[in-house]
């Protein structure tokens, strides 16, 4: 069987010559390839027609991590720690997320991605956890592969079936988080402090969102299972 094309969303930045670039960390690319897919980078500067043309050729979409979503999309509380807001990326990802829901196209949403998932479907975010959510856990860490806290996954969830267990040890690299959950979503994972760490979209062929960064933890079989399950679900879609 031909390997499925998996789109990976990118961020806009500049190189050392101050030239505009589209980029994404290699960990996402490697994780998709390891799972059996062909990674395809999705620029966040395409016009509507070209963006949909590219989307239509993909069997799955991975919504990657990165900067903060503009608060205008969810009437969020402004905060001076909000950073790296990118209108082109917001528009691209919110549009692709809604389209993937409508079309039943498999997608996996990671960190910022799960926040996009919630906002696109009508939910809101904490815009800076330390000032808006009481917790003893420092969720915004700089160590990508350090395991910071456990996550409890609901036993009756699809993610529990995918992971093969209900207690995970994860990294934590986010200063924002899901607040009010969009009505179509089902919360299926929590940190010990009650922070929402995983959601699913019931009735969709494959729509999973996690707040941690599994692409940095593929030395763990459970995290490899996540990417393999995503790619396997995408194989069933003919664009």
Protein backbone atom coordinates (compact mmCIF):
# COMPACT_ATOMS: atom_id res chain seq x y z
CA UNK A 1 0.00 0.00 0.00
CA UNK A 2 1.25 3.49 -0.87
CA UNK A 3 2.26 5.49 2.17
CA UNK A 4 -0.23 8.25 3.00
CA UNK A 5 0.66 11.91 2.63
CA UNK A 6 0.50 13.61 6.03
CA UNK A 7 0.43 17.39 6.11
CA UNK A 8 2.33 19.07 8.93
CA UNK A 9 1.49 22.68 9.69
CA UNK A 10 4.39 25.13 9.82
CA UNK A 11 5.20 28.47 11.40
CA UNK A 12 6.48 31.65 9.78
CA UNK A 13 9.84 33.00 10.86
CA UNK A 14 13.03 34.60 9.52
CA UNK A 15 16.48 33.17 8.90
CA UNK A 16 19.78 34.86 9.79
CA UNK A 17 19.51 36.99 6.67
CA UNK A 18 16.09 38.26 7.79
CA UNK A 19 14.46 36.36 4.95
CA UNK A 20 10.99 34.96 5.54
CA UNK A 21 10.86 31.18 5.99
CA UNK A 22 8.30 28.47 6.68
CA UNK A 23 9.55 25.99 9.25
CA UNK A 24 8.75 23.10 11.57
CA UNK A 25 10.89 21.06 13.93
CA UNK A 26 12.32 17.83 12.55
CA UNK A 27 10.81 15.84 15.41
CA UNK A 28 7.35 16.08 13.81
CA UNK A 29 8.72 15.00 10.44
CA UNK A 30 10.58 12.05 11.94
CA UNK A 31 7.61 10.95 14.03
CA UNK A 32 5.29 10.89 10.99
CA UNK A 33 7.89 9.05 8.90
CA UNK A 34 8.48 6.57 11.72
CA UNK A 35 4.73 6.00 11.88
CA UNK A 36 4.70 5.05 8.19
CA UNK A 37 3.61 8.30 6.55
CA UNK A 38 5.17 10.71 4.05
CA UNK A 39 5.48 14.15 5.71
CA UNK A 40 4.37 17.13 3.62
CA UNK A 41 4.94 20.63 5.00
CA UNK A 42 1.96 22.97 4.81
CA UNK A 43 3.02 26.62 4.38
CA UNK A 44 0.95 29.17 6.28
CA UNK A 45 1.03 31.74 3.48
CA UNK A 46 -1.02 30.05 0.74
CA UNK A 47 -4.12 31.67 -0.69
CA UNK A 48 -7.44 29.94 -0.14
CA UNK A 49 -7.47 28.06 -3.45
CA UNK A 50 -3.91 26.75 -3.16
CA UNK A 51 -4.36 25.82 0.49
CA UNK A 52 -7.46 23.77 -0.30
CA UNK A 53 -5.78 22.18 -3.33
CA UNK A 54 -2.91 21.01 -1.12
CA UNK A 55 -5.27 19.91 1.64
CA UNK A 56 -7.33 17.85 -0.81
CA UNK A 57 -4.26 15.77 -1.68
CA UNK A 58 -3.46 14.89 1.92
CA UNK A 59 -4.69 11.79 3.73
CA UNK A 60 -4.12 13.30 7.18
CA UNK A 61 -3.09 16.53 8.90
CA UNK A 62 -0.83 17.01 11.92
CA UNK A 63 -1.38 20.34 13.67
CA UNK A 64 1.99 21.16 15.24
CA UNK A 65 3.01 23.17 18.28
CA UNK A 66 4.21 26.76 18.33
CA UNK A 67 3.19 30.30 19.17
CA UNK A 68 -0.04 31.62 20.67
CA UNK A 69 -3.39 31.99 18.91
CA UNK A 70 -4.76 35.52 18.56
CA UNK A 71 -7.27 36.13 21.37
CA UNK A 72 -9.73 37.59 18.87
CA UNK A 73 -10.67 34.05 17.85
CA UNK A 74 -11.94 33.08 21.30
CA UNK A 75 -12.48 36.39 23.15
CA UNK A 76 -9.52 35.52 25.35
CA UNK A 77 -8.06 37.45 28.25
CA UNK A 78 -5.17 39.62 27.06
CA UNK A 79 -1.82 39.04 28.75
CA UNK A 80 1.67 40.45 28.28
CA UNK A 81 3.08 36.91 27.99
CA UNK A 82 1.16 36.19 24.79
CA UNK A 83 3.78 35.81 22.06
CA UNK A 84 4.50 34.74 18.48
CA UNK A 85 0.98 35.47 17.27
CA UNK A 86 0.82 34.85 13.51
CA UNK A 87 -2.36 35.81 11.64
CA UNK A 88 -1.46 33.76 8.57
CA UNK A 89 -0.86 30.65 10.66
CA UNK A 90 -4.03 31.15 12.71
CA UNK A 91 -6.16 31.49 9.58
CA UNK A 92 -4.49 28.51 7.92
CA UNK A 93 -4.82 26.15 10.86
CA UNK A 94 -8.30 27.15 11.98
CA UNK A 95 -9.54 26.73 8.41
CA UNK A 96 -7.85 23.35 7.94
CA UNK A 97 -9.07 22.10 11.31
CA UNK A 98 -12.68 22.96 10.55
CA UNK A 99 -12.36 21.42 7.09
CA UNK A 100 -10.85 18.23 8.52
CA UNK A 101 -13.78 17.94 10.94
CA UNK A 102 -16.30 18.50 8.16
CA UNK A 103 -14.64 16.04 5.78
CA UNK A 104 -13.82 13.36 8.33
CA UNK A 105 -10.14 13.61 7.45
CA UNK A 106 -7.85 12.11 10.13
CA UNK A 107 -5.90 14.62 12.16
CA UNK A 108 -3.64 14.74 15.19
CA UNK A 109 -3.30 18.00 17.15
CA UNK A 110 -0.28 18.60 19.39
CA UNK A 111 0.18 21.37 22.02
CA UNK A 112 -0.78 24.54 20.12
CA UNK A 113 -2.58 22.14 17.80
CA UNK A 114 -4.99 20.94 20.49
CA UNK A 115 -5.61 24.59 21.37
CA UNK A 116 -6.42 25.28 17.71
CA UNK A 117 -8.73 22.26 17.79
CA UNK A 118 -10.63 23.66 20.78
CA UNK A 119 -10.81 27.23 19.49
CA UNK A 120 -11.86 26.19 15.98
CA UNK A 121 -14.82 24.30 17.42
CA UNK A 122 -15.92 27.07 19.80
CA UNK A 123 -13.81 26.63 22.95
CA UNK A 124 -11.53 29.00 24.87
CA UNK A 125 -8.03 29.04 26.37
CA UNK A 126 -6.18 30.11 29.47
CA UNK A 127 -3.84 32.69 27.98
CA UNK A 128 -1.22 32.37 30.76
CA UNK A 129 -1.56 29.43 33.13
CA UNK A 130 0.36 30.81 36.16
CA UNK A 131 -2.02 33.77 36.46
CA UNK A 132 -5.28 32.04 35.57
CA UNK A 133 -5.13 28.43 36.81
CA UNK A 134 -4.18 27.40 40.33
CA UNK A 135 -1.55 24.67 40.17
CA UNK A 136 1.69 23.51 41.76
CA UNK A 137 2.89 22.05 38.45
CA UNK A 138 5.14 24.19 36.26
CA UNK A 139 3.67 23.37 32.86
CA UNK A 140 5.98 25.64 30.87
CA UNK A 141 9.30 23.78 30.83
CA UNK A 142 12.34 24.10 28.59
CA UNK A 143 13.35 20.42 28.67
CA UNK A 144 11.78 18.73 25.66
CA UNK A 145 12.49 15.14 26.71
CA UNK A 146 12.14 15.50 30.49
CA UNK A 147 9.06 13.82 31.94
CA UNK A 148 7.32 16.43 34.10
CA UNK A 149 4.05 14.91 35.26
CA UNK A 150 1.67 12.00 34.68
CA UNK A 151 -1.49 12.13 32.59
CA UNK A 152 -4.51 9.98 33.38
CA UNK A 153 -6.33 8.77 30.26
CA UNK A 154 -9.97 7.72 30.53
CA UNK A 155 -10.31 3.96 30.29
CA UNK A 156 -13.19 4.10 27.81
CA UNK A 157 -11.44 6.48 25.39
CA UNK A 158 -9.98 5.78 21.98
CA UNK A 159 -6.68 7.17 23.22
CA UNK A 160 -6.55 4.55 25.95
CA UNK A 161 -6.99 1.90 23.27
CA UNK A 162 -4.25 3.50 21.16
CA UNK A 163 -1.76 3.92 24.00
CA UNK A 164 -2.54 0.56 25.52
CA UNK A 165 -2.45 2.07 29.01
CA UNK A 166 -4.15 4.79 31.01
CA UNK A 167 -1.28 6.35 32.95
CA UNK A 168 1.35 8.18 30.92
CA UNK A 169 4.44 10.17 31.84
CA UNK A 170 4.76 13.27 29.67
CA UNK A 171 6.79 16.39 29.01
CA UNK A 172 5.20 19.83 29.45
CA UNK A 173 6.06 22.86 27.31
CA UNK A 174 3.02 25.15 27.30
CA UNK A 175 2.05 28.38 29.06
CA UNK A 176 -1.49 28.27 27.68
CA UNK A 177 -4.10 25.52 27.97
CA UNK A 178 -7.70 24.51 27.25
CA UNK A 179 -10.25 26.35 29.38
CA UNK A 180 -13.88 26.08 28.24
CA UNK A 181 -14.16 22.96 26.10
CA UNK A 182 -15.88 23.14 22.72
CA UNK A 183 -19.17 21.25 22.90
CA UNK A 184 -18.32 18.65 20.22
CA UNK A 185 -15.17 17.54 22.06
CA UNK A 186 -14.78 14.91 24.74
CA UNK A 187 -12.14 15.41 27.44
CA UNK A 188 -10.25 12.14 27.93
CA UNK A 189 -7.04 13.09 29.74
CA UNK A 190 -6.02 15.17 32.77
CA UNK A 191 -2.85 16.13 34.63
CA UNK A 192 -2.90 15.65 38.44
CA UNK A 193 -3.86 19.31 38.92
CA UNK A 194 -6.92 18.93 36.72
CA UNK A 195 -5.38 20.55 33.64
CA UNK A 196 -6.94 19.12 30.48
CA UNK A 197 -4.31 17.18 28.56
CA UNK A 198 -6.21 15.21 25.91
CA UNK A 199 -9.44 15.48 23.90
CA UNK A 200 -11.18 13.48 21.19
CA UNK A 201 -13.94 14.24 18.71
CA UNK A 202 -16.55 11.46 19.00
CA UNK A 203 -17.93 10.16 15.72
CA UNK A 204 -14.93 11.33 13.69
CA UNK A 205 -12.74 8.68 12.00
CA UNK A 206 -9.66 10.01 13.80
CA UNK A 207 -9.50 13.37 15.62
CA UNK A 208 -7.12 13.37 18.60
CA UNK A 209 -5.55 16.25 20.51
CA UNK A 210 -2.87 16.16 23.21
CA UNK A 211 -1.35 19.04 25.17
CA UNK A 212 2.11 17.51 25.60
CA UNK A 213 4.72 16.87 22.88
CA UNK A 214 4.75 13.15 21.96
CA UNK A 215 7.02 13.81 18.98
CA UNK A 216 9.87 14.34 21.46
CA UNK A 217 9.08 11.09 23.31
CA UNK A 218 9.10 8.49 20.55
CA UNK A 219 11.58 6.42 22.55
CA UNK A 220 8.42 5.41 24.44
CA UNK A 221 6.41 2.69 22.65
CA UNK A 222 3.14 4.32 23.76
CA UNK A 223 4.05 7.55 21.97
CA UNK A 224 5.09 5.68 18.83
CA UNK A 225 1.68 3.99 18.96
CA UNK A 226 0.01 7.40 18.71
CA UNK A 227 1.74 8.33 15.46
CA UNK A 228 1.31 4.85 13.98
CA UNK A 229 -2.41 4.86 14.76
CA UNK A 230 -2.75 8.27 13.13
CA UNK A 231 -0.93 7.21 9.97
CA UNK A 232 -2.83 3.91 9.85
CA UNK A 233 -6.16 5.79 10.05
CA UNK A 234 -4.97 8.07 7.24
CA UNK A 235 -4.27 5.06 5.00
CA UNK A 236 -7.99 4.44 4.87
CA UNK A 237 -8.67 7.82 3.27
CA UNK A 238 -8.43 8.31 -0.49
CA UNK A 239 -8.01 12.03 -1.21
